[in-house]
Protein backbone atom coordinates (compact mmCIF):
# COMPACT_ATOMS: atom_id res chain seq x y z
CA MET A 1 0.03 -0.07 0.03
CA ILE A 2 1.18 3.57 -0.78
CA LYS A 3 2.08 5.37 2.46
CA ASN A 4 3.06 8.85 1.19
CA ILE A 5 4.93 10.91 -1.49
CA ALA A 6 8.68 10.50 -1.09
CA ILE A 7 10.21 12.22 -4.07
CA VAL A 8 9.17 15.14 -6.27
CA SER A 9 11.32 15.92 -9.39
CA LEU A 10 11.76 19.45 -10.76
CA PHE A 11 13.31 20.09 -14.09
CA VAL A 12 15.82 22.92 -13.79
CA LYS A 13 18.08 24.74 -16.21
CA ASP A 14 21.24 24.41 -14.11
CA VAL A 15 21.60 22.05 -11.04
CA ASP A 16 24.20 24.23 -9.28
CA GLU A 17 22.19 27.39 -9.59
CA SER A 18 18.97 25.75 -8.57
CA LEU A 19 20.78 24.14 -5.57
CA ARG A 20 21.85 27.54 -4.44
CA PHE A 21 18.31 29.02 -5.02
CA TYR A 22 16.66 26.29 -3.08
CA THR A 23 19.09 26.37 -0.20
CA ASP A 24 20.23 29.99 -0.01
CA THR A 25 16.96 31.61 -0.93
CA LEU A 26 14.23 29.28 0.23
CA GLY A 27 15.88 27.69 3.08
CA PHE A 28 15.86 24.06 1.92
CA GLU A 29 18.85 21.82 2.85
CA PRO A 30 21.14 19.81 0.54
CA LYS A 31 20.55 16.09 0.77
CA ASP A 32 22.23 14.04 -2.00
CA ASP A 33 24.54 15.16 -4.73
CA VAL A 34 25.96 12.25 -6.64
CA THR A 35 27.17 11.81 -10.14
CA LEU A 36 26.32 8.48 -11.61
CA GLY A 37 27.14 6.69 -14.89
CA ASP A 38 27.10 8.76 -18.18
CA GLY A 39 27.39 12.04 -16.07
CA TYR A 40 23.89 11.80 -14.71
CA ARG A 41 23.60 13.81 -11.50
CA TRP A 42 21.29 12.97 -8.69
CA CYS A 43 20.98 16.15 -6.69
CA THR A 44 18.24 16.47 -4.01
CA VAL A 45 17.17 18.98 -1.33
CA ILE A 46 14.85 18.67 1.63
CA HIS A 47 13.05 21.12 3.76
CA PRO A 48 14.19 20.89 7.40
CA GLU A 49 10.44 20.65 8.57
CA GLN A 50 9.61 17.88 6.10
CA PRO A 51 12.79 15.87 5.54
CA GLU A 52 10.81 12.82 4.41
CA LEU A 53 9.94 14.61 1.10
CA VAL A 54 12.87 14.83 -1.26
CA VAL A 55 12.93 17.43 -4.08
CA HIS A 56 15.06 16.15 -7.02
CA LEU A 57 16.60 18.88 -9.11
CA THR A 58 17.35 17.63 -12.55
CA VAL A 59 18.21 18.94 -15.96
CA PRO A 60 15.99 17.62 -18.75
CA GLY A 61 17.98 14.83 -20.67
CA PRO A 62 18.34 11.13 -20.99
CA PRO A 63 16.38 8.89 -20.58
CA LEU A 64 14.00 11.56 -22.20
CA SER A 65 14.08 11.78 -25.90
CA PRO A 66 16.05 14.86 -27.20
CA GLU A 67 12.69 16.20 -28.58
CA LEU A 68 10.99 15.96 -25.18
CA ALA A 69 14.04 17.44 -23.36
CA ALA A 70 13.98 20.39 -25.90
CA ALA A 71 10.19 20.86 -25.29
CA ILE A 72 10.72 21.01 -21.58
CA ALA A 73 13.63 23.51 -22.01
CA ARG A 74 11.22 25.67 -24.14
CA ALA A 75 8.60 25.48 -21.47
CA GLN A 76 11.13 26.44 -18.79
CA ASP A 77 12.08 29.47 -20.94
CA GLU A 78 8.48 30.55 -21.26
CA GLY A 79 7.93 30.10 -17.49
CA GLY A 80 5.29 27.41 -18.01
CA MET A 81 6.49 24.67 -15.68
CA SER A 82 4.51 23.59 -12.74
CA GLY A 83 6.42 23.46 -9.47
CA LEU A 84 5.81 23.28 -5.78
CA GLY A 85 3.04 24.57 -3.46
CA LEU A 86 4.68 25.74 -0.20
CA ASN A 87 2.87 26.23 3.05
CA VAL A 88 3.91 29.28 4.95
CA ASP A 89 2.94 30.80 8.35
CA ASP A 90 2.63 34.33 7.14
CA CYS A 91 2.41 34.85 3.43
CA GLN A 92 3.03 38.61 3.46
CA ALA A 93 6.15 38.30 5.63
CA THR A 94 7.46 35.47 3.41
CA TYR A 95 6.69 37.43 0.25
CA ASP A 96 8.59 40.46 1.73
CA ALA A 97 11.64 38.35 2.75
CA LEU A 98 11.79 36.73 -0.69
CA VAL A 99 11.38 40.00 -2.64
CA ALA A 100 14.30 41.35 -0.54
CA LYS A 101 16.43 38.32 -1.81
CA GLY A 102 15.57 39.14 -5.35
CA VAL A 103 12.77 36.68 -6.00
CA GLU A 104 10.32 38.05 -8.67
CA PHE A 105 6.68 37.44 -8.01
CA LEU A 106 3.85 37.05 -10.50
CA GLN A 107 1.25 37.68 -7.92
CA PRO A 108 1.58 39.39 -4.61
CA PRO A 109 -0.19 37.99 -1.52
CA SER A 110 -4.00 37.76 -2.35
CA GLU A 111 -6.90 36.49 -0.36
CA ARG A 112 -8.29 33.25 -1.60
CA PRO A 113 -11.18 31.08 -0.13
CA TYR A 114 -8.58 28.62 1.26
CA GLY A 115 -6.09 31.35 2.58
CA VAL A 116 -3.58 33.84 1.39
CA GLU A 117 -1.66 32.97 -1.80
CA ALA A 118 1.33 34.50 -3.57
CA LEU A 119 2.81 33.18 -6.78
CA CYS A 120 6.55 33.37 -8.01
CA ARG A 121 8.98 31.41 -10.11
CA ASP A 122 12.10 29.68 -9.29
CA ASN A 123 15.33 30.47 -11.27
CA SER A 124 14.37 27.82 -13.84
CA GLY A 125 10.87 29.05 -14.53
CA ASN A 126 8.99 26.55 -12.17
CA TRP A 127 6.00 28.01 -10.49
CA LEU A 128 6.09 28.26 -6.71
CA VAL A 129 2.87 28.96 -4.79
CA LEU A 130 3.11 30.27 -1.34
CA VAL A 131 0.04 29.43 0.70
CA GLU A 132 -0.99 30.62 4.20
CA GLN A 133 -3.78 28.30 4.76
CA LYS A 134 -6.90 29.31 6.68
CA TYR A 135 -7.12 25.88 8.26
CA SER A 136 -4.42 23.57 9.25
CA PRO A 137 -3.44 20.98 6.42
CA GLU A 138 -3.57 18.19 9.05
């Protein structure tokens, strides 16, 4: 039986730059960084409050076809890649802190039926949604 989600993969343009973004800007911690056969890099980060969920940062490439990898790269350039939803305690304060670090937002904190939400992109074009929920996600 499935118990939970353990790994989420994000396509990034540059693993080193994304590793810095997720650790230095967002506060994630590095977990694994291993180069395997054929130069494939397995690089992951975790959030210290949810270490059981691993975020895998990977550049589109094999085993994907060259055509699919190119399509993903185009979607990244257009800022059309899905990403992560991140729970925050205070959406406005988190927004202010990330703006001060140079993160560009597509949408400032806005009231929604489920809470307060702000939308930005990471340095590879993946959407990040910050959500201050009205009710606990538990």
